[in-house]
Every structure is written in structure tokens, then in C-alpha cells.
Amino acid sequence: MIQLPETAPGFDDPLGLLAACHGRIQAQCELLLRLQAHLGQFGSDIQASQAARRIRQYFTTAGRHHHEDEEQDFFPMLAAYARTQQRTEILTLMDALRQEHARLDLLWEALVPQLERIIAGDYVAPDCLPAVDFSQSNRDHVQQENTLILPFAHEVLSPEDLRQLGSAMAARRSNPRT
């Protein structure tokens, strides 16, 4: 029997949606690492162009929304609980994760021109693609969120908090930027 993939969580399960996005971030980082290896063997061929296009599309839309979800809604919501419960380690970690978002954004900005060149079919040397640093930084970031932040959120967020978070996430995606 053919096993169909599980349906991704919806906005009615914002924590599940955040976790699923973490999985997609990791999958895109794995694709980026495979792209780097592919460049060394085959150069900027059609497969490389397609992979670069998928990576660029993901991180310029869903990846950007994910950081906004966390910084504008999720982290501030959790911070209120962390302060009330005097969970300074959670507050410190969220501050570090916000700083890491800025670092990831800089790494992404360095990747985009290289991806654009690959999409156009121009040769890009594998060592010019900062795939390992970007991928490892994302992997470490996601691990901290999955093992420390999401469990805390499951512990403290009320059904109303989750409804508000899901609504904010849905609204963000329904208002595309021009």
C-alpha cells in the first residue's frame, strides 16, 4: 500500500505549524548541501537551477514568514509567561534566537546572489556557496527551538493564546507584500 504524506498542521495548530516549518527548513538546508555537492560534479546544470530556485523560493517566502511569526507574535507571547514564571533561561534563549535570526538573514543575503547565478545557469564554484555555514546554523537554531522553546510553549500557552497566534500567522500569509 502506498503511504501518503501526513497533512501539514494548519493555523488551528500554530505550534505544530512552527514545528513543521522547522522540518521544511531542515529539508531545504539538506537540498542546499546536495546542491553544493552537485555543483562540484555537474556545474550549474538544469537540476542545479531547479534546486536553487526551490531554495530561493522557500527562504524568501515561508522562511521569512517563519521568522516574522516568531519575532512578532510567538516570542513576545512566550516572553510574558517566562517573565511571570521567572524563567530567565527562556528569555535569554529567545534573545539569542532573535540575534541568530539576524545572523541567518545575513548568511541568506550572501547566498542569494550565488543562487541567482545558478538559476541563470552561470557557473558557481562549490566553495563560493556558503551552504555549510547556513545549513549548520539553521540546524542548530531549529534544534534549540524544538527542544527548549516549543516544549515551554506547549506547557504555558492557553487555547486562546494558540488561537491568537494562529490568526496572526494566517493574516501574515494572506497579506502578500508587493
Protein backbone atom coordinates (compact mmCIF):
# COMPACT_ATOMS: atom_id res chain seq x y z
CA MET A 1 0.00 0.00 0.00
CA ILE A 2 1.25 3.49 -0.85
CA GLN A 3 1.73 5.68 2.20
CA LEU A 4 0.61 9.25 1.63
CA PRO A 5 2.45 12.03 3.46
CA GLU A 6 0.81 13.46 6.53
CA THR A 7 -1.11 16.66 6.07
CA ALA A 8 0.76 19.65 7.42
CA PRO A 9 -0.75 21.26 10.51
CA GLY A 10 -2.97 24.27 9.92
CA PHE A 11 -3.29 27.62 11.63
CA ASP A 12 -5.53 25.97 14.23
CA ASP A 13 -2.34 24.21 15.42
CA PRO A 14 0.26 27.00 15.32
CA LEU A 15 2.83 25.11 17.38
CA GLY A 16 2.52 22.14 15.06
CA LEU A 17 2.85 24.51 12.12
CA LEU A 18 6.02 26.04 13.58
CA ALA A 19 7.49 22.57 14.15
CA ALA A 20 6.55 21.50 10.60
CA CYS A 21 8.22 24.64 9.26
CA HIS A 22 11.36 23.66 11.17
CA GLY A 23 11.28 20.36 9.32
CA ARG A 24 10.93 22.14 5.98
CA ILE A 25 13.81 24.49 6.86
CA GLN A 26 15.99 21.48 7.54
CA ALA A 27 14.89 19.82 4.29
CA GLN A 28 15.76 22.95 2.31
CA CYS A 29 19.15 23.12 4.02
CA GLU A 30 19.78 19.50 3.05
CA LEU A 31 18.85 20.38 -0.53
CA LEU A 32 21.31 23.28 -0.37
CA LEU A 33 24.08 20.93 0.74
CA ARG A 34 23.22 18.49 -2.05
CA LEU A 35 23.24 21.44 -4.48
CA GLN A 36 26.73 22.36 -3.36
CA ALA A 37 27.94 18.80 -3.96
CA HIS A 38 26.13 18.70 -7.31
CA LEU A 39 27.87 21.88 -8.46
CA GLY A 40 31.23 20.24 -7.91
CA GLN A 41 30.29 17.31 -10.07
CA PHE A 42 27.95 18.72 -12.72
CA GLY A 43 28.19 22.51 -12.54
CA SER A 44 25.19 24.80 -12.93
CA ASP A 45 23.02 22.46 -14.97
CA ILE A 46 19.21 22.33 -15.12
CA GLN A 47 18.96 20.27 -11.92
CA ALA A 48 21.12 22.79 -10.09
CA SER A 49 18.98 25.62 -11.42
CA GLN A 50 15.78 23.92 -10.27
CA ALA A 51 17.18 23.21 -6.81
CA ALA A 52 18.45 26.78 -6.44
CA ARG A 53 15.03 28.11 -7.49
CA ARG A 54 13.25 25.94 -4.87
CA ILE A 55 15.64 27.00 -2.13
CA ARG A 56 15.32 30.68 -3.03
CA GLN A 57 11.53 30.45 -3.18
CA TYR A 58 11.25 28.76 0.19
CA PHE A 59 13.51 31.07 2.16
CA THR A 60 12.17 34.28 0.58
CA THR A 61 8.56 33.40 1.42
CA ALA A 62 7.87 30.74 4.05
CA GLY A 63 11.26 31.15 5.72
CA ARG A 64 10.76 34.89 6.05
CA HIS A 65 7.22 34.41 7.40
CA HIS A 66 8.53 31.92 9.93
CA HIS A 67 10.99 34.43 11.42
CA GLU A 68 8.25 37.07 11.49
CA ASP A 69 5.87 34.64 13.22
CA GLU A 70 8.41 34.05 15.94
CA GLU A 71 9.66 37.59 16.42
CA GLN A 72 6.37 39.47 16.12
CA ASP A 73 3.96 37.09 17.82
CA PHE A 74 5.34 33.84 19.25
CA PHE A 75 8.36 35.07 21.21
CA PRO A 76 6.58 38.11 22.71
CA MET A 77 3.71 35.85 23.80
CA LEU A 78 6.13 33.40 25.42
CA ALA A 79 8.17 36.18 26.99
CA ALA A 80 5.17 37.28 29.05
CA TYR A 81 4.88 33.79 30.54
CA ALA A 82 8.64 33.45 31.01
CA ARG A 83 8.74 36.73 32.95
CA THR A 84 5.76 35.73 35.11
CA GLN A 85 7.35 32.36 35.88
CA GLN A 86 10.81 33.89 36.27
CA ARG A 87 12.18 31.63 33.54
CA THR A 88 15.19 33.78 32.73
CA GLU A 89 16.80 30.95 30.72
CA ILE A 90 13.86 31.08 28.28
CA LEU A 91 14.10 34.87 27.99
CA THR A 92 17.86 34.65 27.42
CA LEU A 93 17.42 31.93 24.82
CA MET A 94 14.75 33.90 22.94
CA ASP A 95 17.05 36.93 22.85
CA ALA A 96 19.82 34.73 21.46
CA LEU A 97 17.44 33.24 18.89
CA ARG A 98 16.41 36.74 17.74
CA GLN A 99 20.08 37.60 17.27
CA GLU A 100 20.55 34.33 15.42
CA HIS A 101 17.68 35.31 13.09
CA ALA A 102 19.67 38.41 12.18
CA ARG A 103 22.78 36.29 11.56
CA LEU A 104 20.79 33.82 9.45
CA ASP A 105 19.41 36.74 7.44
CA LEU A 106 22.97 37.92 6.71
CA LEU A 107 24.02 34.43 5.67
CA TRP A 108 20.94 34.25 3.44
CA GLU A 109 21.77 37.59 1.84
CA ALA A 110 25.21 36.20 0.95
CA LEU A 111 23.62 33.10 -0.59
CA VAL A 112 21.01 34.83 -2.77
CA PRO A 113 23.39 36.22 -5.42
CA GLN A 114 25.01 32.81 -5.79
CA LEU A 115 21.61 31.11 -6.12
CA GLU A 116 20.58 33.70 -8.70
CA ARG A 117 23.68 32.90 -10.74
CA ILE A 118 22.95 29.17 -10.55
CA ILE A 119 19.33 29.77 -11.59
CA ALA A 120 20.62 31.71 -14.59
CA GLY A 121 22.90 28.79 -15.49
CA ASP A 122 26.14 30.59 -14.64
CA TYR A 123 28.95 28.57 -13.15
CA VAL A 124 29.36 28.89 -9.39
CA ALA A 125 32.26 27.14 -7.74
CA PRO A 126 31.03 24.92 -4.88
CA ASP A 127 33.29 26.65 -2.37
CA CYS A 128 31.69 30.01 -3.25
CA LEU A 129 28.33 28.77 -1.98
CA PRO A 130 28.24 29.23 1.82
CA ALA A 131 25.93 26.23 2.18
CA VAL A 132 27.58 24.54 5.15
CA ASP A 133 27.54 27.57 7.46
CA PHE A 134 23.95 28.46 6.54
CA SER A 135 22.75 24.87 6.92
CA GLN A 136 24.55 24.20 10.19
CA SER A 137 23.41 27.50 11.68
CA ASN A 138 19.82 26.68 10.77
CA ARG A 139 20.15 23.14 12.15
CA ASP A 140 21.46 24.41 15.50
CA HIS A 141 18.81 27.14 15.63
CA VAL A 142 15.94 24.76 14.91
CA GLN A 143 17.23 22.25 17.46
CA GLN A 144 17.13 24.85 20.24
CA GLU A 145 13.64 25.92 19.28
CA ASN A 146 12.39 22.31 19.05
CA THR A 147 13.96 21.11 22.29
CA LEU A 148 13.55 24.17 24.54
CA ILE A 149 11.14 26.77 23.16
CA LEU A 150 8.33 24.61 21.74
CA PRO A 151 8.07 22.42 24.87
CA PHE A 152 7.80 25.57 27.01
CA ALA A 153 5.10 26.89 24.67
CA HIS A 154 3.13 23.63 24.94
CA GLU A 155 3.37 23.96 28.70
CA VAL A 156 2.19 27.57 29.08
CA LEU A 157 0.10 28.75 26.12
CA SER A 158 -3.63 28.69 26.57
CA PRO A 159 -6.15 27.76 23.87
CA GLU A 160 -6.85 31.47 23.43
CA ASP A 161 -3.13 32.21 23.03
CA LEU A 162 -2.92 29.50 20.38
CA ARG A 163 -5.96 30.89 18.57
CA GLN A 164 -4.41 34.39 18.55
CA LEU A 165 -1.06 33.04 17.37
CA GLY A 166 -2.68 31.02 14.59
CA SER A 167 -4.74 34.00 13.48
CA ALA A 168 -1.69 36.25 13.34
CA MET A 169 0.20 33.64 11.33
CA ALA A 170 -2.69 33.25 8.89
CA ALA A 171 -3.07 37.01 8.50
CA ARG A 172 0.64 37.37 7.73
CA ARG A 173 0.33 34.91 4.86
CA SER A 174 -2.86 36.38 3.47
CA ASN A 175 -1.29 39.83 3.08
CA PRO A 176 1.43 39.29 0.46
CA ARG A 177 3.91 42.10 0.02
CA THR A 178 4.36 43.76 -3.29
